[in-house]
């Protein structure tokens, strides 16, 4: 079954979002042209009536899935209605967010940066991390070194998503740009295509890299964490529309409180977290994961509220290396970690650092 089966209403939502995205970017550009470097702060309007929250049915979104399954977001949101919406990959969620049909979303670092850049730093803010690690380049057994990929087909979840940027940057560094066919498929389609011999490799988030290894006979050529200092890089973060943050700061802080509770739950009782994630995956996709798959997937991720802000300048530069962007998107000013640090301090936990993203 495909991981993302859009119902008609969902298709209309995304179509409307795509159209609205153009208007949003134009409006942001006009604001800059008139000399306004940032939108005027909106007056707080109290708790929101509803919070439309995006997420992906991936193990790299474990904190989101645990929070949904255990009712931790809903508990802290109180009277605010939680409206969860699933996506296959980041660019879809960005369209919905910038189009105004989504308030906040769990998302990969690449699309998060693009959302900020497309709106000239106006429309969204990074408010938390959720997952570090959990992405691998998996290949057919006969591929043993990067050079073996020449002439082969490699898949990523979507053009411009986090894994797509990582793959293309790596291919450029290995001198393989133009020598490898890179295409994008929904994750479930990639599994089927790999089994049928239609693709040779894939750079995927968990649990899909584990599924290809355990269900389709792939092997790991590269774990992305080996490319980063201390093996840490932001696979999934949480971003919010700036306007929503300004108008409903209490609601955003309630969401973050639910997130911190979800992360605590996942880290204190991993067995229960795996059960919760698997339940949510089955509800979202119609199929749960084998115990061996979810065990392997969890072993490759770290669930943390730290967005690893110091990595974002490099992630922005990677988009140029990957030829996704002509110049590195600006990321200074992207983070607003004040609400998260308030929640962490209240819970007696260490705060997180915005170094690299803390100035305009």
Protein backbone atom coordinates (compact mmCIF):
# COMPACT_ATOMS: atom_id res chain seq x y z
CA UNK A 1 0.00 0.00 0.00
CA UNK A 2 1.27 3.49 -0.73
CA UNK A 3 2.37 5.44 2.28
CA UNK A 4 0.41 8.47 1.15
CA UNK A 5 -3.06 7.76 -0.19
CA UNK A 6 -4.62 11.12 -0.82
CA UNK A 7 -8.34 11.44 -0.51
CA UNK A 8 -10.07 13.95 -2.82
CA UNK A 9 -10.34 16.53 -0.05
CA UNK A 10 -6.64 16.17 0.60
CA UNK A 11 -5.87 16.71 -3.09
CA UNK A 12 -7.95 19.89 -3.06
CA UNK A 13 -6.13 21.06 0.07
CA UNK A 14 -2.73 20.58 -1.56
CA UNK A 15 -3.82 22.18 -4.82
CA UNK A 16 -5.12 25.19 -2.96
CA UNK A 17 -1.93 25.33 -0.94
CA UNK A 18 0.23 25.30 -4.06
CA UNK A 19 -1.72 28.18 -5.54
CA UNK A 20 -1.65 30.11 -2.31
CA UNK A 21 2.09 29.54 -2.01
CA UNK A 22 2.75 31.79 -4.99
CA UNK A 23 0.67 34.55 -3.44
CA UNK A 24 2.41 34.12 -0.10
CA UNK A 25 5.88 34.44 -1.59
CA UNK A 26 4.88 37.44 -3.73
CA UNK A 27 3.36 39.13 -0.71
CA UNK A 28 6.52 38.52 1.30
CA UNK A 29 8.62 39.93 -1.52
CA UNK A 30 6.43 43.03 -1.75
CA UNK A 31 6.85 43.60 1.98
CA UNK A 32 10.61 43.57 1.55
CA UNK A 33 10.43 45.88 -1.46
CA UNK A 34 8.58 48.42 0.63
CA UNK A 35 11.42 48.40 3.14
CA UNK A 36 9.85 46.21 5.83
CA UNK A 37 12.50 43.71 6.92
CA UNK A 38 10.07 41.72 9.05
CA UNK A 39 6.32 41.51 9.49
CA UNK A 40 4.90 43.67 12.22
CA UNK A 41 4.27 41.56 15.31
CA UNK A 42 0.67 40.42 15.49
CA UNK A 43 -1.19 40.97 18.72
CA UNK A 44 -1.77 37.81 20.72
CA UNK A 45 -5.27 36.49 20.26
CA UNK A 46 -5.25 33.86 22.99
CA UNK A 47 -5.41 30.10 22.43
CA UNK A 48 -6.22 29.03 18.88
CA UNK A 49 -9.52 27.34 18.10
CA UNK A 50 -7.61 24.61 16.26
CA UNK A 51 -4.06 23.60 15.45
CA UNK A 52 -3.49 21.98 12.04
CA UNK A 53 -0.38 19.85 12.51
CA UNK A 54 1.55 18.05 9.76
CA UNK A 55 3.59 14.88 10.21
CA UNK A 56 4.95 11.97 8.15
CA UNK A 57 4.29 8.28 8.88
CA UNK A 58 8.00 7.55 9.34
CA UNK A 59 9.96 6.34 12.36
CA UNK A 60 12.00 9.55 12.08
CA UNK A 61 8.75 11.24 13.19
CA UNK A 62 8.52 9.01 16.27
CA UNK A 63 7.98 11.90 18.67
CA UNK A 64 5.02 13.11 16.62
CA UNK A 65 3.55 9.62 16.37
CA UNK A 66 3.96 8.96 20.10
CA UNK A 67 2.35 12.30 20.92
CA UNK A 68 -0.62 11.53 18.70
CA UNK A 69 -1.01 7.98 19.96
CA UNK A 70 -0.74 8.82 23.64
CA UNK A 71 -2.87 11.97 23.40
CA UNK A 72 0.00 14.07 24.77
CA UNK A 73 -0.46 16.93 22.31
CA UNK A 74 -4.22 16.98 22.80
CA UNK A 75 -3.82 16.94 26.59
CA UNK A 76 -1.64 20.05 26.65
CA UNK A 77 -3.61 21.84 23.93
CA UNK A 78 -6.72 21.68 26.06
CA UNK A 79 -9.66 23.31 24.30
CA UNK A 80 -7.67 23.80 21.08
CA UNK A 81 -8.72 21.14 18.57
CA UNK A 82 -5.81 19.17 17.14
CA UNK A 83 -6.12 18.45 13.39
CA UNK A 84 -3.29 16.11 12.31
CA UNK A 85 -2.48 15.77 8.59
CA UNK A 86 -0.01 13.27 7.14
CA UNK A 87 2.38 13.92 4.26
CA UNK A 88 4.84 11.76 2.32
CA UNK A 89 7.68 14.28 2.17
CA UNK A 90 8.67 17.82 3.08
CA UNK A 91 7.92 19.83 -0.08
CA UNK A 92 4.22 18.89 0.16
CA UNK A 93 4.07 20.06 3.76
CA UNK A 94 5.86 23.31 2.88
CA UNK A 95 3.23 24.07 0.24
CA UNK A 96 0.45 23.57 2.76
CA UNK A 97 2.23 25.59 5.44
CA UNK A 98 3.07 28.57 3.26
CA UNK A 99 -0.36 28.38 1.67
CA UNK A 100 -1.98 28.82 5.07
CA UNK A 101 -3.76 25.47 5.26
CA UNK A 102 -1.34 24.15 7.92
CA UNK A 103 -0.20 25.83 11.15
CA UNK A 104 2.81 23.74 12.15
CA UNK A 105 4.54 20.65 10.88
CA UNK A 106 7.17 18.08 11.70
CA UNK A 107 9.48 18.15 8.71
CA UNK A 108 12.98 17.45 7.43
CA UNK A 109 15.68 20.09 7.77
CA UNK A 110 16.00 20.67 4.00
CA UNK A 111 12.38 21.61 3.31
CA UNK A 112 12.33 23.58 6.58
CA UNK A 113 15.18 25.74 5.27
CA UNK A 114 13.43 26.11 1.91
CA UNK A 115 10.21 27.27 3.57
CA UNK A 116 12.15 29.98 5.39
CA UNK A 117 14.08 31.00 2.27
CA UNK A 118 11.07 31.05 -0.08
CA UNK A 119 9.29 33.52 2.16
CA UNK A 120 12.35 35.76 2.57
CA UNK A 121 12.62 34.73 6.19
CA UNK A 122 9.10 35.87 6.93
CA UNK A 123 6.62 33.02 7.02
CA UNK A 124 7.99 30.28 9.30
CA UNK A 125 10.09 29.72 12.40
CA UNK A 126 12.01 26.72 13.66
CA UNK A 127 10.76 26.02 17.19
CA UNK A 128 12.18 22.58 18.09
CA UNK A 129 14.04 19.51 16.98
CA UNK A 130 12.64 16.01 17.23
CA UNK A 131 15.04 13.51 15.67
CA UNK A 132 18.74 13.17 14.93
CA UNK A 133 19.98 10.46 12.56
CA UNK A 134 17.99 7.76 10.83
CA UNK A 135 18.89 8.07 7.14
CA UNK A 136 20.95 5.64 5.06
CA UNK A 137 22.03 4.96 1.50
CA UNK A 138 21.06 1.33 0.88
CA UNK A 139 22.05 -0.57 -2.26
CA UNK A 140 21.92 -3.87 -4.09
CA UNK A 141 24.47 -6.37 -2.71
CA UNK A 142 26.68 -6.09 -5.81
CA UNK A 143 27.35 -2.40 -5.14
CA UNK A 144 30.31 -2.17 -2.76
CA UNK A 145 31.76 1.31 -3.34
CA UNK A 146 30.54 4.72 -4.56
CA UNK A 147 31.98 4.22 -8.06
CA UNK A 148 29.72 1.19 -8.53
CA UNK A 149 26.73 3.55 -8.64
CA UNK A 150 27.77 4.95 -12.03
CA UNK A 151 25.04 4.17 -14.54
CA UNK A 152 22.67 3.09 -11.77
CA UNK A 153 19.33 4.50 -10.57
CA UNK A 154 19.14 5.91 -7.04
CA UNK A 155 15.86 6.96 -5.41
CA UNK A 156 14.98 9.62 -2.83
CA UNK A 157 11.53 10.35 -1.30
CA UNK A 158 10.94 13.63 -3.17
CA UNK A 159 12.82 16.22 -5.19
CA UNK A 160 14.37 18.74 -2.78
CA UNK A 161 13.58 16.82 0.39
CA UNK A 162 16.21 16.26 3.09
CA UNK A 163 17.49 12.94 1.75
CA UNK A 164 17.46 14.23 -1.84
CA UNK A 165 19.79 17.08 -0.87
CA UNK A 166 22.04 14.76 1.12
CA UNK A 167 22.35 12.28 -1.75
CA UNK A 168 23.09 14.91 -4.39
CA UNK A 169 25.68 16.62 -2.22
CA UNK A 170 27.39 13.27 -1.62
CA UNK A 171 27.32 12.39 -5.34
CA UNK A 172 28.89 15.75 -6.18
CA UNK A 173 31.67 15.20 -3.65
CA UNK A 174 32.31 11.74 -5.08
CA UNK A 175 32.46 13.04 -8.66
CA UNK A 176 29.32 11.13 -9.60
CA UNK A 177 26.99 14.00 -10.52
CA UNK A 178 25.60 13.29 -13.97
CA UNK A 179 26.82 9.69 -13.85
CA UNK A 180 23.98 8.45 -11.64
CA UNK A 181 20.27 8.67 -12.42
CA UNK A 182 18.49 10.21 -9.44
CA UNK A 183 14.72 9.88 -9.30
CA UNK A 184 12.05 10.34 -6.63
CA UNK A 185 9.31 7.97 -5.52
CA UNK A 186 7.01 7.66 -2.56
CA UNK A 187 8.69 5.45 0.01
CA UNK A 188 6.36 2.47 -0.39
CA UNK A 189 6.82 2.58 -4.16
CA UNK A 190 10.59 2.56 -3.67
CA UNK A 191 10.35 -0.67 -1.69
CA UNK A 192 8.34 -2.31 -4.46
CA UNK A 193 10.63 -0.94 -7.19
CA UNK A 194 13.72 -2.23 -5.37
CA UNK A 195 12.20 -5.69 -4.99
CA UNK A 196 11.40 -5.71 -8.71
CA UNK A 197 14.93 -4.67 -9.70
CA UNK A 198 13.81 -1.32 -11.12
CA UNK A 199 16.11 0.71 -8.88
CA UNK A 200 19.59 -0.05 -7.60
CA UNK A 201 19.85 2.11 -4.49
CA UNK A 202 17.95 4.56 -2.30
CA UNK A 203 18.76 7.25 0.27
CA UNK A 204 15.89 6.91 2.73
CA UNK A 205 14.74 7.81 6.24
CA UNK A 206 13.68 5.20 8.76
CA UNK A 207 11.86 2.86 8.68
CA UNK A 208 12.31 2.65 4.90
CA UNK A 209 16.05 2.04 4.90
CA UNK A 210 15.45 -0.79 7.38
CA UNK A 211 12.62 -2.18 5.28
CA UNK A 212 14.81 -2.35 2.20
CA UNK A 213 17.55 -4.05 4.19
CA UNK A 214 15.35 -6.58 6.00
CA UNK A 215 12.51 -7.05 3.51
CA UNK A 216 14.23 -6.57 0.16
CA UNK A 217 17.82 -7.75 0.65
CA UNK A 218 19.52 -4.35 0.41
CA UNK A 219 22.71 -3.53 2.29
CA UNK A 220 23.97 -0.27 3.75
CA UNK A 221 26.58 1.52 1.67
CA UNK A 222 26.54 4.66 3.82
CA UNK A 223 24.90 5.77 7.07
CA UNK A 224 24.46 9.54 6.89
CA UNK A 225 25.48 10.00 10.52
CA UNK A 226 29.06 9.12 9.51
CA UNK A 227 29.16 12.39 7.55
CA UNK A 228 28.45 14.60 10.60
CA UNK A 229 30.46 15.53 13.72
CA UNK A 230 29.54 13.20 16.59
CA UNK A 231 27.09 11.50 14.21
CA UNK A 232 24.42 14.12 14.89
CA UNK A 233 22.30 15.86 12.26
CA UNK A 234 18.66 17.01 12.28
CA UNK A 235 16.49 14.55 10.38
CA UNK A 236 13.21 15.95 11.68
CA UNK A 237 12.39 19.34 13.22
CA UNK A 238 9.24 21.25 14.12
CA UNK A 239 8.38 24.52 12.36
CA UNK A 240 5.39 26.84 12.71
CA UNK A 241 3.87 29.68 10.70
CA UNK A 242 5.24 32.95 12.09
CA UNK A 243 1.79 34.53 12.12
CA UNK A 244 0.37 31.61 14.12
CA UNK A 245 3.25 31.87 16.60
CA UNK A 246 2.63 35.60 17.04
CA UNK A 247 -1.13 35.31 17.35
CA UNK A 248 -1.26 32.16 19.51
CA UNK A 249 1.93 31.88 21.57
CA UNK A 250 0.10 29.95 24.30
CA UNK A 251 -0.98 27.33 21.78
CA UNK A 252 2.54 26.96 20.41
CA UNK A 253 3.92 26.56 23.92
CA UNK A 254 1.25 23.93 24.63
CA UNK A 255 2.30 22.05 21.49
CA UNK A 256 5.91 22.18 22.63
CA UNK A 257 4.94 20.95 26.08
CA UNK A 258 3.25 17.97 24.43
CA UNK A 259 6.36 17.40 22.32
CA UNK A 260 8.67 17.38 25.35
CA UNK A 261 6.32 14.90 27.05
CA UNK A 262 6.37 12.72 23.91
CA UNK A 263 10.16 12.75 23.77
CA UNK A 264 10.33 11.83 27.46
CA UNK A 265 7.88 8.98 26.90
CA UNK A 266 9.87 7.63 23.95
CA UNK A 267 13.22 7.80 25.71
CA UNK A 268 12.04 6.39 29.05
CA UNK A 269 10.08 3.44 27.63
CA UNK A 270 11.32 2.55 24.17
CA UNK A 271 9.24 -0.63 24.00
CA UNK A 272 6.05 1.35 24.61
CA UNK A 273 7.21 3.98 22.12
CA UNK A 274 7.73 1.33 19.44
CA UNK A 275 4.22 0.01 20.09
CA UNK A 276 2.75 3.51 19.84
CA UNK A 277 4.66 4.29 16.64
CA UNK A 278 3.67 1.00 15.05
CA UNK A 279 0.02 1.57 15.93
CA UNK A 280 0.08 5.01 14.32
CA UNK A 281 1.88 3.69 11.23
CA UNK A 282 -0.79 1.02 10.80
CA UNK A 283 -3.56 3.62 11.13
CA UNK A 284 -1.84 5.92 8.63
CA UNK A 285 -0.74 3.34 6.07
CA UNK A 286 -2.81 0.24 6.72
CA UNK A 287 0.25 -1.80 7.69
CA UNK A 288 2.49 -2.02 10.72
CA UNK A 289 6.17 -2.92 10.83
CA UNK A 290 7.74 -6.24 11.68
CA UNK A 291 9.43 -6.24 15.09
CA UNK A 292 12.88 -6.58 13.50
CA UNK A 293 12.26 -3.58 11.26
CA UNK A 294 11.07 -1.23 13.99
CA UNK A 295 13.88 -2.41 16.29
CA UNK A 296 16.49 -1.64 13.64
CA UNK A 297 14.86 1.71 12.79
CA UNK A 298 14.82 2.83 16.43
CA UNK A 299 18.45 1.84 16.87
CA UNK A 300 19.41 4.37 14.18
CA UNK A 301 17.69 7.45 15.60
CA UNK A 302 18.02 9.77 18.59
CA UNK A 303 14.79 11.40 19.73
CA UNK A 304 15.64 14.88 21.00
CA UNK A 305 14.13 18.37 21.24
CA UNK A 306 17.48 19.89 20.25
CA UNK A 307 17.25 21.10 16.62
CA UNK A 308 21.07 21.04 16.37
CA UNK A 309 20.96 24.63 15.17
CA UNK A 310 24.70 24.80 14.54
CA UNK A 311 24.30 22.39 11.60
CA UNK A 312 21.89 24.60 9.65
CA UNK A 313 24.45 26.91 8.00
CA UNK A 314 26.15 23.80 6.59
CA UNK A 315 22.81 22.29 5.56
CA UNK A 316 22.07 25.51 3.66
CA UNK A 317 25.44 25.31 1.88
CA UNK A 318 24.75 21.68 1.02
CA UNK A 319 21.84 22.79 -1.15
CA UNK A 320 24.29 24.65 -3.39
CA UNK A 321 26.66 21.67 -3.56
CA UNK A 322 23.65 19.49 -4.41
CA UNK A 323 22.65 22.02 -7.12
CA UNK A 324 19.24 22.43 -5.49
CA UNK A 325 19.93 26.15 -4.99
CA UNK A 326 22.21 28.64 -6.74
CA UNK A 327 23.21 30.28 -3.49
CA UNK A 328 22.97 29.13 0.10
CA UNK A 329 19.62 30.07 1.64
CA UNK A 330 19.95 32.45 4.56
CA UNK A 331 19.15 30.76 7.86
CA UNK A 332 20.08 33.44 10.39
CA UNK A 333 16.99 34.39 12.37
CA UNK A 334 15.22 31.14 11.46
CA UNK A 335 14.99 29.81 15.02
CA UNK A 336 12.72 31.00 17.79
CA UNK A 337 13.66 28.64 20.59
CA UNK A 338 12.41 30.86 23.41
CA UNK A 339 9.10 29.02 23.85
CA UNK A 340 10.84 25.62 23.82
CA UNK A 341 13.42 26.74 26.36
CA UNK A 342 10.64 28.07 28.59
CA UNK A 343 9.01 24.63 28.49
CA UNK A 344 12.32 22.84 29.09
CA UNK A 345 13.24 25.12 32.00
CA UNK A 346 9.84 24.62 33.61
CA UNK A 347 10.36 20.85 33.34
CA UNK A 348 13.82 21.13 34.89
CA UNK A 349 15.60 20.14 31.68
CA UNK A 350 18.63 21.68 29.94
CA UNK A 351 17.80 24.35 27.39
CA UNK A 352 18.93 24.18 23.74
CA UNK A 353 21.26 26.45 21.81
CA UNK A 354 20.31 28.57 18.79
CA UNK A 355 23.94 29.23 17.77
CA UNK A 356 24.13 29.63 14.01
CA UNK A 357 20.50 30.71 13.71
CA UNK A 358 20.19 33.39 16.35
CA UNK A 359 20.86 36.60 14.39
CA UNK A 360 19.36 38.21 11.30
